Amino acid sequence: MSAYSPHSRIDIVNALRAFAALYVAWGHFAGGQGRWLDWTGRYGYTGVYVFFVISGFVIPYSLYRGGYSLRNFGRFLLKRAIRLYPPYLVSIPVTILAANVLLRPLAPSSVVHFSAGQMVYHLFFLNDLVHAPWVSVVYWTLAIEWQWYVLAALLTPLLVSRNAVLRFIPIPLFMAAYFLCTSDRIVAHTLPIFLIGVFVFQYKIGLMGRWRLLALMAVLLWSMRWPTGWVIACISAATGAVIVFVSFRNGIADFLGDVSYSVYLLHLPVGVTLVMWLARLLPYAGYYLGLLDLVGMAASVGAAALLYRWVEKPAQDMSSRVRWVEAGRRSQLAVAISK
């Protein structure tokens, strides 16, 4: 069993966030830029599923540490909204400006057509449910994350129960929803991926041993061979294994992990826009597109650092001030909800 400490920190998570955001970004930079560059970014989309495993682990872990109970469901969603929305809402006009003004001379097809109704859909992450286009292709994952927040908050009392029968109840429900789901744009399609993170969480707080964890991850890996596919399944299982078995802390990785959400939001309107203009303006750019892509990555990280400093970090601080129990009662409640 893995001992739980209420003050423990899983250092590798920040490095995984950094990797996931940068890999997604690189996939968008390098895609369609020749055989070798395209090959390096071919699987960049899998970074999204690294984020999903992390959320499967981090959300119940943070709720457990905070002494969450169902009566604080609304406060939890408020805390998540305060953290999620400000950078997201800032990125929307930035993306529209990049697509409709900066990229328009280079790629008229990039123009984004939007309406007040579409903005309302964006506000509530409804676009895929009503078949309305997103302003940015990366936003669909935020909708999945939000759906997971709701589901995890409702089921956390079961997920942390010391009663194995109660703890098992969500698993067949999740897997049934996964196999019955016909859309890849709702949380049901990704529930086995989130479950990997949940099992890692349960291992970390001592609810299961290492061999049971590995057995359950193997079952999920096998179950995801269809319709998810082996690539995403293996990436998800590997992410869970890294959280369990690898300990890593690095200042650069910490910084990139901190700004990873902002990188994810801004790499298209900032980085890709810059690369397209540089490729247009510089002579012989086709011979060193990889270098231009690195410049675009650096610009994305720089813009993300500014967004983090002025928007995301203040939002995180504001979110942390929303509390559902007195500080002195947290540890007692954390134990109480696990019985």
C-alpha atoms as a PDB file:
ATOM      1  CA  MET A   1       0.000   0.000   0.000  1.00  0.00           C
ATOM      2  CA  SER A   2       1.094   3.552  -0.640  1.00  0.00           C
ATOM      3  CA  ALA A   3       0.877   5.739   2.452  1.00  0.00           C
ATOM      4  CA  TYR A   4      -1.143   8.908   2.143  1.00  0.00           C
ATOM      5  CA  SER A   5       0.122  12.200   3.460  1.00  0.00           C
ATOM      6  CA  PRO A   6      -2.276  15.157   3.419  1.00  0.00           C
ATOM      7  CA  HIS A   7       0.600  17.475   2.543  1.00  0.00           C
ATOM      8  CA  SER A   8       2.237  15.248  -0.100  1.00  0.00           C
ATOM      9  CA  ARG A   9       2.838  16.551  -3.586  1.00  0.00           C
ATOM     10  CA  ILE A  10       3.131  14.453  -6.718  1.00  0.00           C
ATOM     11  CA  ASP A  11       6.015  16.269  -8.379  1.00  0.00           C
ATOM     12  CA  ILE A  12       5.930  14.389 -11.675  1.00  0.00           C
ATOM     13  CA  VAL A  13       2.454  15.759 -12.484  1.00  0.00           C
ATOM     14  CA  ASN A  14       3.772  19.214 -13.378  1.00  0.00           C
ATOM     15  CA  ALA A  15       6.354  17.718 -15.734  1.00  0.00           C
ATOM     16  CA  LEU A  16       3.619  15.634 -17.381  1.00  0.00           C
ATOM     17  CA  ARG A  17       1.488  18.742 -17.839  1.00  0.00           C
ATOM     18  CA  ALA A  18       4.433  20.474 -19.491  1.00  0.00           C
ATOM     19  CA  PHE A  19       5.031  17.522 -21.815  1.00  0.00           C
ATOM     20  CA  ALA A  20       1.357  17.230 -22.734  1.00  0.00           C
ATOM     21  CA  ALA A  21       0.927  20.903 -23.622  1.00  0.00           C
ATOM     22  CA  LEU A  22       4.164  21.134 -25.601  1.00  0.00           C
ATOM     23  CA  TYR A  23       3.487  17.891 -27.464  1.00  0.00           C
ATOM     24  CA  VAL A  24       0.004  19.024 -28.482  1.00  0.00           C
ATOM     25  CA  ALA A  25       1.472  22.334 -29.630  1.00  0.00           C
ATOM     26  CA  TRP A  26       4.264  20.638 -31.571  1.00  0.00           C
ATOM     27  CA  GLY A  27       1.714  18.454 -33.318  1.00  0.00           C
ATOM     28  CA  HIS A  28      -0.034  21.580 -34.582  1.00  0.00           C
ATOM     29  CA  PHE A  29       3.240  23.271 -35.583  1.00  0.00           C
ATOM     30  CA  ALA A  30       4.852  20.344 -37.393  1.00  0.00           C
ATOM     31  CA  GLY A  31       1.766  18.825 -39.026  1.00  0.00           C
ATOM     32  CA  GLY A  32       1.849  18.909 -42.817  1.00  0.00           C
ATOM     33  CA  GLN A  33       5.380  20.376 -42.987  1.00  0.00           C
ATOM     34  CA  GLY A  34       7.149  17.610 -44.802  1.00  0.00           C
ATOM     35  CA  ARG A  35       7.832  13.970 -44.081  1.00  0.00           C
ATOM     36  CA  TRP A  36      10.174  14.241 -41.103  1.00  0.00           C
ATOM     37  CA  LEU A  37       8.571  17.172 -39.330  1.00  0.00           C
ATOM     38  CA  ASP A  38       5.140  15.688 -39.846  1.00  0.00           C
ATOM     39  CA  TRP A  39       6.371  12.416 -38.347  1.00  0.00           C
ATOM     40  CA  THR A  40       7.632  14.134 -35.172  1.00  0.00           C
ATOM     41  CA  GLY A  41       4.236  15.697 -34.541  1.00  0.00           C
ATOM     42  CA  ARG A  42       2.029  12.884 -35.789  1.00  0.00           C
ATOM     43  CA  TYR A  43       0.985  11.809 -32.300  1.00  0.00           C
ATOM     44  CA  GLY A  44       0.856  15.254 -30.745  1.00  0.00           C
ATOM     45  CA  TYR A  45      -2.877  14.849 -30.200  1.00  0.00           C
ATOM     46  CA  THR A  46      -2.165  12.181 -27.573  1.00  0.00           C
ATOM     47  CA  GLY A  47      -1.042  14.923 -25.201  1.00  0.00           C
ATOM     48  CA  VAL A  48      -4.740  15.588 -24.647  1.00  0.00           C
ATOM     49  CA  TYR A  49      -5.144  12.127 -23.132  1.00  0.00           C
ATOM     50  CA  VAL A  50      -2.174  12.700 -20.842  1.00  0.00           C
ATOM     51  CA  PHE A  51      -4.148  15.673 -19.491  1.00  0.00           C
ATOM     52  CA  PHE A  52      -7.211  13.452 -19.024  1.00  0.00           C
ATOM     53  CA  VAL A  53      -5.282  10.887 -16.966  1.00  0.00           C
ATOM     54  CA  ILE A  54      -3.842  13.718 -14.863  1.00  0.00           C
ATOM     55  CA  SER A  55      -7.361  15.062 -14.233  1.00  0.00           C
ATOM     56  CA  GLY A  56      -8.586  11.584 -13.347  1.00  0.00           C
ATOM     57  CA  PHE A  57      -5.919  11.544 -10.647  1.00  0.00           C
ATOM     58  CA  VAL A  58      -5.736  15.171  -9.514  1.00  0.00           C
ATOM     59  CA  ILE A  59      -9.450  15.987  -9.108  1.00  0.00           C
ATOM     60  CA  PRO A  60     -10.339  13.219  -6.616  1.00  0.00           C
ATOM     61  CA  TYR A  61      -6.932  13.633  -4.965  1.00  0.00           C
ATOM     62  CA  SER A  62      -7.495  17.350  -4.339  1.00  0.00           C
ATOM     63  CA  LEU A  63     -11.055  16.722  -3.138  1.00  0.00           C
ATOM     64  CA  TYR A  64      -9.816  14.059  -0.745  1.00  0.00           C
ATOM     65  CA  ARG A  65      -7.095  16.318   0.621  1.00  0.00           C
ATOM     66  CA  GLY A  66      -9.559  19.176   1.062  1.00  0.00           C
ATOM     67  CA  GLY A  67     -12.135  17.162   2.998  1.00  0.00           C
ATOM     68  CA  TYR A  68     -14.805  17.488   0.323  1.00  0.00           C
ATOM     69  CA  SER A  69     -18.387  16.347   0.916  1.00  0.00           C
ATOM     70  CA  LEU A  70     -21.386  16.377  -1.417  1.00  0.00           C
ATOM     71  CA  ARG A  71     -22.957  19.353   0.297  1.00  0.00           C
ATOM     72  CA  ASN A  72     -20.112  21.407  -1.191  1.00  0.00           C
ATOM     73  CA  PHE A  73     -20.736  20.289  -4.771  1.00  0.00           C
ATOM     74  CA  GLY A  74     -21.710  23.813  -5.873  1.00  0.00           C
ATOM     75  CA  ARG A  75     -18.669  25.374  -4.219  1.00  0.00           C
ATOM     76  CA  PHE A  76     -16.392  22.887  -5.931  1.00  0.00           C
ATOM     77  CA  LEU A  77     -17.799  23.794  -9.350  1.00  0.00           C
ATOM     78  CA  LEU A  78     -17.375  27.465  -8.476  1.00  0.00           C
ATOM     79  CA  LYS A  79     -13.722  26.870  -7.570  1.00  0.00           C
ATOM     80  CA  ARG A  80     -13.101  25.024 -10.845  1.00  0.00           C
ATOM     81  CA  ALA A  81     -14.908  27.694 -12.862  1.00  0.00           C
ATOM     82  CA  ILE A  82     -12.784  30.434 -11.322  1.00  0.00           C
ATOM     83  CA  ARG A  83      -9.641  28.537 -12.288  1.00  0.00           C
ATOM     84  CA  LEU A  84     -10.768  27.446 -15.757  1.00  0.00           C
ATOM     85  CA  TYR A  85     -12.688  30.384 -17.185  1.00  0.00           C
ATOM     86  CA  PRO A  86     -10.503  33.534 -17.027  1.00  0.00           C
ATOM     87  CA  PRO A  87      -7.664  32.265 -19.285  1.00  0.00           C
ATOM     88  CA  TYR A  88     -10.218  30.554 -21.527  1.00  0.00           C
ATOM     89  CA  LEU A  89     -12.318  33.707 -21.926  1.00  0.00           C
ATOM     90  CA  VAL A  90      -9.218  35.789 -22.684  1.00  0.00           C
ATOM     91  CA  SER A  91      -8.087  33.287 -25.308  1.00  0.00           C
ATOM     92  CA  ILE A  92     -11.363  33.532 -27.257  1.00  0.00           C
ATOM     93  CA  PRO A  93     -10.928  37.140 -28.529  1.00  0.00           C
ATOM     94  CA  VAL A  94      -7.205  36.485 -29.053  1.00  0.00           C
ATOM     95  CA  THR A  95      -8.074  33.508 -31.258  1.00  0.00           C
ATOM     96  CA  ILE A  96     -10.719  35.452 -33.185  1.00  0.00           C
ATOM     97  CA  LEU A  97      -8.265  38.322 -33.760  1.00  0.00           C
ATOM     98  CA  ALA A  98      -5.583  35.945 -35.016  1.00  0.00           C
ATOM     99  CA  ALA A  99      -7.949  34.060 -37.331  1.00  0.00           C
ATOM    100  CA  ASN A 100      -9.951  36.984 -38.710  1.00  0.00           C
ATOM    101  CA  VAL A 101      -7.251  39.650 -38.931  1.00  0.00           C
ATOM    102  CA  LEU A 102      -3.709  38.295 -38.753  1.00  0.00           C
ATOM    103  CA  LEU A 103      -4.222  35.066 -40.697  1.00  0.00           C
ATOM    104  CA  ARG A 104      -6.833  36.273 -43.136  1.00  0.00           C
ATOM    105  CA  PRO A 105      -4.327  37.472 -45.799  1.00  0.00           C
ATOM    106  CA  LEU A 106      -2.482  34.147 -45.634  1.00  0.00           C
ATOM    107  CA  ALA A 107      -5.347  31.691 -45.224  1.00  0.00           C
ATOM    108  CA  PRO A 108      -8.825  33.096 -45.900  1.00  0.00           C
ATOM    109  CA  SER A 109     -10.306  29.749 -44.864  1.00  0.00           C
ATOM    110  CA  SER A 110      -9.098  30.370 -41.301  1.00  0.00           C
ATOM    111  CA  VAL A 111     -11.710  33.093 -40.758  1.00  0.00           C
ATOM    112  CA  VAL A 112     -13.956  32.292 -37.796  1.00  0.00           C
ATOM    113  CA  HIS A 113     -17.649  33.062 -38.161  1.00  0.00           C
ATOM    114  CA  PHE A 114     -19.289  33.544 -34.797  1.00  0.00           C
ATOM    115  CA  SER A 115     -22.485  34.860 -33.289  1.00  0.00           C
ATOM    116  CA  ALA A 116     -23.847  35.780 -29.883  1.00  0.00           C
ATOM    117  CA  GLY A 117     -25.460  32.350 -29.704  1.00  0.00           C
ATOM    118  CA  GLN A 118     -22.156  30.627 -30.345  1.00  0.00           C
ATOM    119  CA  MET A 119     -20.542  32.655 -27.579  1.00  0.00           C
ATOM    120  CA  VAL A 120     -23.244  31.451 -25.200  1.00  0.00           C
ATOM    121  CA  TYR A 121     -22.477  27.875 -26.257  1.00  0.00           C
ATOM    122  CA  HIS A 122     -18.795  28.537 -25.552  1.00  0.00           C
ATOM    123  CA  LEU A 123     -19.651  29.906 -22.136  1.00  0.00           C
ATOM    124  CA  PHE A 124     -21.351  26.659 -21.127  1.00  0.00           C
ATOM    125  CA  PHE A 125     -19.207  24.276 -23.237  1.00  0.00           C
ATOM    126  CA  LEU A 126     -22.237  23.199 -25.265  1.00  0.00           C
ATOM    127  CA  ASN A 127     -20.841  23.407 -28.795  1.00  0.00           C
ATOM    128  CA  ASP A 128     -20.446  19.695 -29.419  1.00  0.00           C
ATOM    129  CA  LEU A 129     -23.830  18.950 -27.895  1.00  0.00           C
ATOM    130  CA  VAL A 130     -25.590  21.405 -30.234  1.00  0.00           C
ATOM    131  CA  HIS A 131     -23.246  20.773 -33.198  1.00  0.00           C
ATOM    132  CA  ALA A 132     -21.906  24.321 -33.251  1.00  0.00           C
ATOM    133  CA  PRO A 133     -18.251  24.945 -34.242  1.00  0.00           C
ATOM    134  CA  TRP A 134     -15.684  26.007 -31.681  1.00  0.00           C
ATOM    135  CA  VAL A 135     -13.691  29.192 -32.160  1.00  0.00           C
ATOM    136  CA  SER A 136     -10.574  27.071 -31.527  1.00  0.00           C
ATOM    137  CA  VAL A 137     -10.219  23.359 -32.163  1.00  0.00           C
ATOM    138  CA  VAL A 138      -8.640  22.830 -28.737  1.00  0.00           C
ATOM    139  CA  TYR A 139     -11.698  23.941 -26.779  1.00  0.00           C
ATOM    140  CA  TRP A 140     -13.550  20.632 -27.078  1.00  0.00           C
ATOM    141  CA  THR A 141     -11.240  19.153 -24.449  1.00  0.00           C
ATOM    142  CA  LEU A 142     -12.288  21.811 -21.939  1.00  0.00           C
ATOM    143  CA  ALA A 143     -15.873  20.615 -22.331  1.00  0.00           C
ATOM    144  CA  ILE A 144     -14.760  17.049 -21.568  1.00  0.00           C
ATOM    145  CA  GLU A 145     -12.806  18.258 -18.536  1.00  0.00           C
ATOM    146  CA  TRP A 146     -15.822  20.149 -17.209  1.00  0.00           C
ATOM    147  CA  GLN A 147     -18.034  17.092 -17.585  1.00  0.00           C
ATOM    148  CA  TRP A 148     -15.431  15.107 -15.662  1.00  0.00           C
ATOM    149  CA  TYR A 149     -15.384  17.692 -12.861  1.00  0.00           C
ATOM    150  CA  VAL A 150     -19.137  17.257 -12.394  1.00  0.00           C
ATOM    151  CA  LEU A 151     -18.936  13.467 -12.473  1.00  0.00           C
ATOM    152  CA  ALA A 152     -15.941  13.227 -10.142  1.00  0.00           C
ATOM    153  CA  ALA A 153     -17.471  15.599  -7.600  1.00  0.00           C
ATOM    154  CA  LEU A 154     -20.676  13.572  -7.511  1.00  0.00           C
ATOM    155  CA  LEU A 155     -18.872  10.232  -7.157  1.00  0.00           C
ATOM    156  CA  THR A 156     -15.933  11.122  -4.911  1.00  0.00           C
ATOM    157  CA  PRO A 157     -17.648   9.754  -1.745  1.00  0.00           C
ATOM    158  CA  LEU A 158     -17.759   6.375  -3.501  1.00  0.00           C
ATOM    159  CA  LEU A 159     -14.271   6.638  -4.986  1.00  0.00           C
ATOM    160  CA  VAL A 160     -12.704   7.208  -1.545  1.00  0.00           C
ATOM    161  CA  SER A 161     -14.815   4.716   0.393  1.00  0.00           C
ATOM    162  CA  ARG A 162     -13.012   2.069   2.439  1.00  0.00           C
ATOM    163  CA  ASN A 163     -15.848  -0.278   1.478  1.00  0.00           C
ATOM    164  CA  ALA A 164     -14.597  -2.124  -1.606  1.00  0.00           C
ATOM    165  CA  VAL A 165     -18.136  -2.805  -2.857  1.00  0.00           C
ATOM    166  CA  LEU A 166     -19.069   0.875  -2.781  1.00  0.00           C
ATOM    167  CA  ARG A 167     -15.765   1.798  -4.389  1.00  0.00           C
ATOM    168  CA  PHE A 168     -16.418  -0.677  -7.202  1.00  0.00           C
ATOM    169  CA  ILE A 169     -19.874   0.713  -8.127  1.00  0.00           C
ATOM    170  CA  PRO A 170     -18.674   3.486 -10.495  1.00  0.00           C
ATOM    171  CA  ILE A 171     -16.411   1.162 -12.499  1.00  0.00           C
ATOM    172  CA  PRO A 172     -19.060  -0.950 -14.333  1.00  0.00           C
ATOM    173  CA  LEU A 173     -21.176   2.179 -14.790  1.00  0.00           C
ATOM    174  CA  PHE A 174     -18.244   4.007 -16.398  1.00  0.00           C
ATOM    175  CA  MET A 175     -17.387   1.082 -18.661  1.00  0.00           C
ATOM    176  CA  ALA A 176     -21.012   0.568 -19.719  1.00  0.00           C
ATOM    177  CA  ALA A 177     -21.251   4.259 -20.622  1.00  0.00           C
ATOM    178  CA  TYR A 178     -17.978   3.970 -22.552  1.00  0.00           C
ATOM    179  CA  PHE A 179     -19.100   1.043 -24.691  1.00  0.00           C
ATOM    180  CA  LEU A 180     -22.564   2.489 -25.290  1.00  0.00           C
ATOM    181  CA  CYS A 181     -21.288   5.941 -26.211  1.00  0.00           C
ATOM    182  CA  THR A 182     -21.510   6.844 -29.899  1.00  0.00           C
ATOM    183  CA  SER A 183     -19.760  10.224 -29.737  1.00  0.00           C
ATOM    184  CA  ASP A 184     -16.102  10.971 -29.021  1.00  0.00           C
ATOM    185  CA  ARG A 185     -16.960  14.473 -27.834  1.00  0.00           C
ATOM    186  CA  ILE A 186     -18.606  13.635 -24.510  1.00  0.00           C
ATOM    187  CA  VAL A 187     -16.962  12.395 -21.351  1.00  0.00           C
ATOM    188  CA  ALA A 188     -18.352   8.859 -21.630  1.00  0.00           C
ATOM    189  CA  HIS A 189     -15.975   8.153 -24.511  1.00  0.00           C
ATOM    190  CA  THR A 190     -12.954   8.947 -22.329  1.00  0.00           C
ATOM    191  CA  LEU A 191     -14.052   7.440 -19.013  1.00  0.00           C
ATOM    192  CA  PRO A 192     -11.522   4.553 -19.079  1.00  0.00           C
ATOM    193  CA  ILE A 193      -8.771   7.164 -19.477  1.00  0.00           C
ATOM    194  CA  PHE A 194     -10.001   9.115 -16.466  1.00  0.00           C
ATOM    195  CA  LEU A 195     -10.378   5.811 -14.597  1.00  0.00           C
ATOM    196  CA  ILE A 196      -6.659   5.145 -14.968  1.00  0.00           C
ATOM    197  CA  GLY A 197      -6.055   8.373 -13.065  1.00  0.00           C
ATOM    198  CA  VAL A 198      -8.674   7.385 -10.479  1.00  0.00           C
ATOM    199  CA  PHE A 199      -6.966   4.033  -9.855  1.00  0.00           C
ATOM    200  CA  VAL A 200      -3.642   5.807  -9.422  1.00  0.00           C
ATOM    201  CA  PHE A 201      -5.304   8.120  -6.903  1.00  0.00           C
ATOM    202  CA  GLN A 202      -6.730   5.160  -4.989  1.00  0.00           C
ATOM    203  CA  TYR A 203      -3.306   3.553  -4.921  1.00  0.00           C
ATOM    204  CA  LYS A 204      -1.676   6.756  -3.695  1.00  0.00           C
ATOM    205  CA  ILE A 205      -4.041   7.038  -0.715  1.00  0.00           C
ATOM    206  CA  GLY A 206      -3.693   3.370   0.187  1.00  0.00           C
ATOM    207  CA  LEU A 207      -6.979   1.938  -1.091  1.00  0.00           C
ATOM    208  CA  MET A 208      -5.307  -0.686  -3.261  1.00  0.00           C
ATOM    209  CA  GLY A 209      -1.957  -2.388  -3.634  1.00  0.00           C
ATOM    210  CA  ARG A 210       0.472  -2.177  -6.524  1.00  0.00           C
ATOM    211  CA  TRP A 211      -0.433  -5.482  -8.158  1.00  0.00           C
ATOM    212  CA  ARG A 212      -4.148  -4.754  -8.087  1.00  0.00           C
ATOM    213  CA  LEU A 213      -3.446  -1.356  -9.618  1.00  0.00           C
ATOM    214  CA  LEU A 214      -1.394  -2.897 -12.424  1.00  0.00           C
ATOM    215  CA  ALA A 215      -4.051  -5.546 -13.035  1.00  0.00           C
ATOM    216  CA  LEU A 216      -6.825  -2.965 -13.288  1.00  0.00           C
ATOM    217  CA  MET A 217      -4.732  -0.790 -15.612  1.00  0.00           C
ATOM    218  CA  ALA A 218      -4.101  -3.835 -17.808  1.00  0.00           C
ATOM    219  CA  VAL A 219      -7.852  -4.512 -17.979  1.00  0.00           C
ATOM    220  CA  LEU A 220      -8.501  -0.901 -18.995  1.00  0.00           C
ATOM    221  CA  LEU A 221      -5.713  -1.055 -21.565  1.00  0.00           C
ATOM    222  CA  TRP A 222      -7.264  -4.133 -23.132  1.00  0.00           C
ATOM    223  CA  SER A 223     -10.806  -2.709 -23.006  1.00  0.00           C
ATOM    224  CA  MET A 224      -9.720   0.455 -24.845  1.00  0.00           C
ATOM    225  CA  ARG A 225      -8.346  -1.403 -27.868  1.00  0.00           C
ATOM    226  CA  TRP A 226     -11.732  -0.629 -29.415  1.00  0.00           C
ATOM    227  CA  PRO A 227     -13.096   1.944 -30.056  1.00  0.00           C
ATOM    228  CA  THR A 228     -10.353   4.132 -28.534  1.00  0.00           C
ATOM    229  CA  GLY A 229      -7.439   2.290 -30.109  1.00  0.00           C
ATOM    230  CA  TRP A 230      -4.073   1.036 -28.930  1.00  0.00           C
ATOM    231  CA  VAL A 231      -2.139   4.299 -29.314  1.00  0.00           C
ATOM    232  CA  ILE A 232      -4.316   6.326 -26.933  1.00  0.00           C
ATOM    233  CA  ALA A 233      -4.735   3.346 -24.621  1.00  0.00           C
ATOM    234  CA  CYS A 234      -0.976   2.832 -24.306  1.00  0.00           C
ATOM    235  CA  ILE A 235      -0.282   6.541 -23.810  1.00  0.00           C
ATOM    236  CA  SER A 236      -2.936   6.678 -21.078  1.00  0.00           C
ATOM    237  CA  ALA A 237      -1.637   3.597 -19.282  1.00  0.00           C
ATOM    238  CA  ALA A 238       1.951   4.858 -19.556  1.00  0.00           C
ATOM    239  CA  THR A 239       0.910   8.192 -18.045  1.00  0.00           C
ATOM    240  CA  GLY A 240      -0.649   6.419 -15.080  1.00  0.00           C
ATOM    241  CA  ALA A 241       2.481   4.305 -14.620  1.00  0.00           C
ATOM    242  CA  VAL A 242       4.709   7.389 -14.703  1.00  0.00           C
ATOM    243  CA  ILE A 243       2.658   9.072 -11.951  1.00  0.00           C
ATOM    244  CA  VAL A 244       2.982   5.928  -9.842  1.00  0.00           C
ATOM    245  CA  PHE A 245       6.619   4.994 -10.380  1.00  0.00           C
ATOM    246  CA  VAL A 246       8.521   8.147 -11.381  1.00  0.00           C
ATOM    247  CA  SER A 247       9.548  10.992  -9.115  1.00  0.00           C
ATOM    248  CA  PHE A 248      10.893  14.071 -10.892  1.00  0.00           C
ATOM    249  CA  ARG A 249      11.251  17.716  -9.980  1.00  0.00           C
ATOM    250  CA  ASN A 250      12.877  20.380 -12.126  1.00  0.00           C
ATOM    251  CA  GLY A 251      12.572  24.161 -12.146  1.00  0.00           C
ATOM    252  CA  ILE A 252      12.061  24.436 -15.897  1.00  0.00           C
ATOM    253  CA  ALA A 253       9.513  21.608 -15.887  1.00  0.00           C
ATOM    254  CA  ASP A 254       7.711  23.271 -12.984  1.00  0.00           C
ATOM    255  CA  PHE A 255       7.521  26.548 -14.881  1.00  0.00           C
ATOM    256  CA  LEU A 256       6.299  24.867 -18.079  1.00  0.00           C
ATOM    257  CA  GLY A 257       3.804  22.834 -16.071  1.00  0.00           C
ATOM    258  CA  ASP A 258       2.492  25.967 -14.408  1.00  0.00           C
ATOM    259  CA  VAL A 259       1.895  27.690 -17.767  1.00  0.00           C
ATOM    260  CA  SER A 260       0.790  24.526 -19.604  1.00  0.00           C
ATOM    261  CA  TYR A 261      -2.918  25.456 -19.640  1.00  0.00           C
ATOM    262  CA  SER A 262      -2.121  28.873 -21.085  1.00  0.00           C
ATOM    263  CA  VAL A 263       0.244  27.292 -23.647  1.00  0.00           C
ATOM    264  CA  TYR A 264      -2.561  24.953 -24.660  1.00  0.00           C
ATOM    265  CA  LEU A 265      -4.949  27.883 -25.159  1.00  0.00           C
ATOM    266  CA  LEU A 266      -2.555  30.235 -26.964  1.00  0.00           C
ATOM    267  CA  HIS A 267      -0.255  28.103 -29.105  1.00  0.00           C
ATOM    268  CA  LEU A 268      -2.597  28.274 -32.111  1.00  0.00           C
ATOM    269  CA  PRO A 269      -3.421  32.013 -32.206  1.00  0.00           C
ATOM    270  CA  VAL A 270       0.095  33.074 -31.165  1.00  0.00           C
ATOM    271  CA  GLY A 271       2.591  30.412 -32.188  1.00  0.00           C
ATOM    272  CA  VAL A 272       1.038  29.037 -35.352  1.00  0.00           C
ATOM    273  CA  THR A 273       0.131  32.531 -36.574  1.00  0.00           C
ATOM    274  CA  LEU A 274       3.741  33.658 -36.082  1.00  0.00           C
ATOM    275  CA  VAL A 275       5.133  30.606 -37.885  1.00  0.00           C
ATOM    276  CA  MET A 276       2.829  31.135 -40.855  1.00  0.00           C
ATOM    277  CA  TRP A 277       3.890  34.770 -41.211  1.00  0.00           C
ATOM    278  CA  LEU A 278       7.589  33.969 -40.833  1.00  0.00           C
ATOM    279  CA  ALA A 279       7.303  31.213 -43.431  1.00  0.00           C
ATOM    280  CA  ARG A 280       5.673  33.713 -45.774  1.00  0.00           C
ATOM    281  CA  LEU A 281       8.157  36.569 -45.232  1.00  0.00           C
ATOM    282  CA  LEU A 282      11.515  34.803 -44.964  1.00  0.00           C
ATOM    283  CA  PRO A 283      13.343  33.492 -48.047  1.00  0.00           C
ATOM    284  CA  TYR A 284      13.927  29.731 -48.288  1.00  0.00           C
ATOM    285  CA  ALA A 285      11.783  29.184 -45.197  1.00  0.00           C
ATOM    286  CA  GLY A 286      10.891  25.711 -46.427  1.00  0.00           C
ATOM    287  CA  TYR A 287      14.443  24.587 -45.636  1.00  0.00           C
ATOM    288  CA  TYR A 288      14.287  25.470 -41.955  1.00  0.00           C
ATOM    289  CA  LEU A 289      10.647  25.118 -40.989  1.00  0.00           C
ATOM    290  CA  GLY A 290      11.677  23.163 -37.914  1.00  0.00           C
ATOM    291  CA  LEU A 291      13.571  26.204 -36.645  1.00  0.00           C
ATOM    292  CA  LEU A 292      10.543  28.406 -37.276  1.00  0.00           C
ATOM    293  CA  ASP A 293       8.426  25.932 -35.351  1.00  0.00           C
ATOM    294  CA  LEU A 294      10.776  26.260 -32.382  1.00  0.00           C
ATOM    295  CA  VAL A 295      10.420  30.035 -32.603  1.00  0.00           C
ATOM    296  CA  GLY A 296       6.650  29.575 -32.597  1.00  0.00           C
ATOM    297  CA  MET A 297       6.888  27.317 -29.540  1.00  0.00           C
ATOM    298  CA  ALA A 298       8.989  29.907 -27.726  1.00  0.00           C
ATOM    299  CA  ALA A 299       6.497  32.651 -28.612  1.00  0.00           C
ATOM    300  CA  SER A 300       3.650  30.479 -27.339  1.00  0.00           C
ATOM    301  CA  VAL A 301       5.423  29.886 -24.027  1.00  0.00           C
ATOM    302  CA  GLY A 302       6.204  33.604 -23.713  1.00  0.00           C
ATOM    303  CA  ALA A 303       2.587  34.587 -24.343  1.00  0.00           C
ATOM    304  CA  ALA A 304       1.440  31.857 -21.961  1.00  0.00           C
ATOM    305  CA  ALA A 305       3.757  33.181 -19.240  1.00  0.00           C
ATOM    306  CA  LEU A 306       2.113  36.592 -19.547  1.00  0.00           C
ATOM    307  CA  LEU A 307      -1.390  35.084 -19.493  1.00  0.00           C
ATOM    308  CA  TYR A 308      -0.425  32.997 -16.471  1.00  0.00           C
ATOM    309  CA  ARG A 309       1.091  35.958 -14.630  1.00  0.00           C
ATOM    310  CA  TRP A 310      -1.754  38.400 -15.203  1.00  0.00           C
ATOM    311  CA  VAL A 311      -4.812  36.165 -15.520  1.00  0.00           C
ATOM    312  CA  GLU A 312      -4.378  32.500 -14.617  1.00  0.00           C
ATOM    313  CA  LYS A 313      -2.370  32.854 -11.384  1.00  0.00           C
ATOM    314  CA  PRO A 314      -4.694  35.529  -9.919  1.00  0.00           C
ATOM    315  CA  ALA A 315      -7.634  33.260 -10.831  1.00  0.00           C
ATOM    316  CA  GLN A 316      -5.971  30.353  -9.027  1.00  0.00           C
ATOM    317  CA  ASP A 317      -5.416  32.502  -5.958  1.00  0.00           C
ATOM    318  CA  MET A 318      -9.057  33.609  -6.027  1.00  0.00           C
ATOM    319  CA  SER A 319     -10.201  30.007  -6.391  1.00  0.00           C
ATOM    320  CA  SER A 320      -8.148  28.923  -3.379  1.00  0.00           C
ATOM    321  CA  ARG A 321     -10.025  31.433  -1.234  1.00  0.00           C
ATOM    322  CA  VAL A 322     -13.322  29.600  -1.847  1.00  0.00           C
ATOM    323  CA  ARG A 323     -13.498  27.136   1.044  1.00  0.00           C
ATOM    324  CA  TRP A 324     -16.147  24.689   2.098  1.00  0.00           C
ATOM    325  CA  VAL A 325     -14.956  23.788   5.596  1.00  0.00           C
ATOM    326  CA  GLU A 326     -12.896  25.414   8.318  1.00  0.00           C
ATOM    327  CA  ALA A 327      -9.203  24.709   7.983  1.00  0.00           C
ATOM    328  CA  GLY A 328      -9.120  22.901  11.318  1.00  0.00           C
ATOM    329  CA  ARG A 329     -11.737  20.349  10.242  1.00  0.00           C
ATOM    330  CA  ARG A 330     -10.245  19.336   6.924  1.00  0.00           C
ATOM    331  CA  SER A 331      -8.139  16.426   8.089  1.00  0.00           C
ATOM    332  CA  GLN A 332     -10.992  14.997  10.149  1.00  0.00           C
ATOM    333  CA  LEU A 333     -13.383  15.183   7.202  1.00  0.00           C
ATOM    334  CA  ALA A 334     -10.818  13.653   4.877  1.00  0.00           C
ATOM    335  CA  VAL A 335     -10.745  10.629   7.139  1.00  0.00           C
ATOM    336  CA  ALA A 336     -14.534  10.614   7.668  1.00  0.00           C
ATOM    337  CA  ILE A 337     -15.470  10.458   3.985  1.00  0.00           C
ATOM    338  CA  SER A 338     -13.048   7.581   3.403  1.00  0.00           C
ATOM    339  CA  LYS A 339     -14.853   5.260   5.823  1.00  0.00           C
END
